[in-house]
Protein backbone atom coordinates (compact mmCIF):
# COMPACT_ATOMS: atom_id res chain seq x y z
CA MET A 1 -17.12 2.28 7.75
CA ASN A 2 -20.82 3.04 7.82
CA ARG A 3 -20.51 5.10 4.62
CA TRP A 4 -18.87 2.18 2.78
CA THR A 5 -21.66 0.14 1.24
CA ARG A 6 -21.67 -3.49 0.14
CA THR A 7 -21.97 -2.30 -3.47
CA GLN A 8 -18.84 -0.17 -3.09
CA LYS A 9 -17.01 -3.06 -1.41
CA LEU A 10 -17.88 -5.37 -4.31
CA GLU A 11 -16.84 -2.75 -6.87
CA ALA A 12 -13.48 -2.29 -5.14
CA GLU A 13 -12.91 -6.05 -4.95
CA SER A 14 -13.71 -6.46 -8.64
CA GLN A 15 -11.05 -3.83 -9.37
CA GLY A 16 -8.50 -5.57 -7.16
CA TRP A 17 -8.42 -3.43 -4.02
CA LEU A 18 -9.97 -3.18 -0.57
CA LEU A 19 -10.69 -0.53 2.03
CA VAL A 20 -9.58 -2.05 5.32
CA ALA A 21 -9.42 -1.10 8.99
CA ILE A 22 -5.84 -1.11 10.24
CA ASP A 23 -5.53 -3.50 13.19
CA GLY A 24 -9.34 -3.58 13.37
CA ASP A 25 -9.54 0.17 14.14
CA GLN A 26 -12.41 1.61 12.08
CA ASN A 27 -10.92 5.08 12.53
CA ARG A 28 -7.71 4.07 10.75
CA LEU A 29 -8.46 2.94 7.21
CA ALA A 30 -6.20 2.06 4.30
CA VAL A 31 -6.43 0.98 0.68
CA GLN A 32 -4.80 -2.39 0.16
CA LYS A 33 -4.55 -4.82 -2.73
CA TYR A 34 -7.11 -7.60 -2.78
CA ASP A 35 -4.89 -10.67 -2.80
CA GLU A 36 -7.63 -12.98 -4.10
CA ALA A 37 -8.03 -10.88 -7.26
CA ASP A 38 -4.30 -11.09 -8.07
CA ILE A 39 -4.39 -7.79 -9.98
CA PHE A 40 -1.84 -5.64 -8.16
CA ASP A 41 1.68 -6.51 -7.05
CA SER A 42 1.55 -4.26 -3.99
CA ASP A 43 -0.65 -2.09 -1.80
CA ASP A 44 1.09 0.96 -3.28
CA ALA A 45 0.06 -0.11 -6.78
CA ALA A 46 -3.53 -0.54 -5.63
CA LEU A 47 -3.50 2.91 -4.00
CA THR A 48 -2.09 4.48 -7.18
CA PHE A 49 -4.91 2.88 -9.15
CA VAL A 50 -7.52 4.20 -6.70
CA LYS A 51 -6.06 7.72 -6.97
CA GLU A 52 -6.17 7.52 -10.77
CA GLN A 53 -9.77 6.30 -10.70
CA ALA A 54 -10.76 9.07 -8.30
CA GLY A 55 -9.22 11.61 -10.64
CA ARG A 56 -11.36 10.19 -13.43
CA GLY A 57 -14.52 10.74 -11.39
CA ASN A 58 -15.05 7.27 -9.90
CA THR A 59 -17.15 8.02 -6.82
CA THR A 60 -16.21 4.79 -5.03
CA ALA A 61 -12.52 5.62 -5.36
CA GLN A 62 -13.17 9.22 -4.32
CA LEU A 63 -14.99 8.09 -1.18
CA ALA A 64 -12.22 5.63 -0.32
CA LEU A 65 -9.61 8.40 -0.54
CA GLU A 66 -11.78 10.67 1.58
CA MET A 67 -12.15 7.96 4.19
CA ILE A 68 -8.43 7.24 4.44
CA ALA A 69 -7.46 10.92 4.64
């Protein structure tokens, strides 16, 4: 996740989602809800939010979607 900066990580967390490596594999990434933020009920809800934000021009969300593709 060398393209994922600390600033982007903090932005995502503040919005209630994370970009995570599946089973520790940096080549398999996913958007998941950030449990500590208690904003989303599910990972699917967090992903829907990220897609909406990307569509509105949020570059952090756009990068996250690019990285999980």
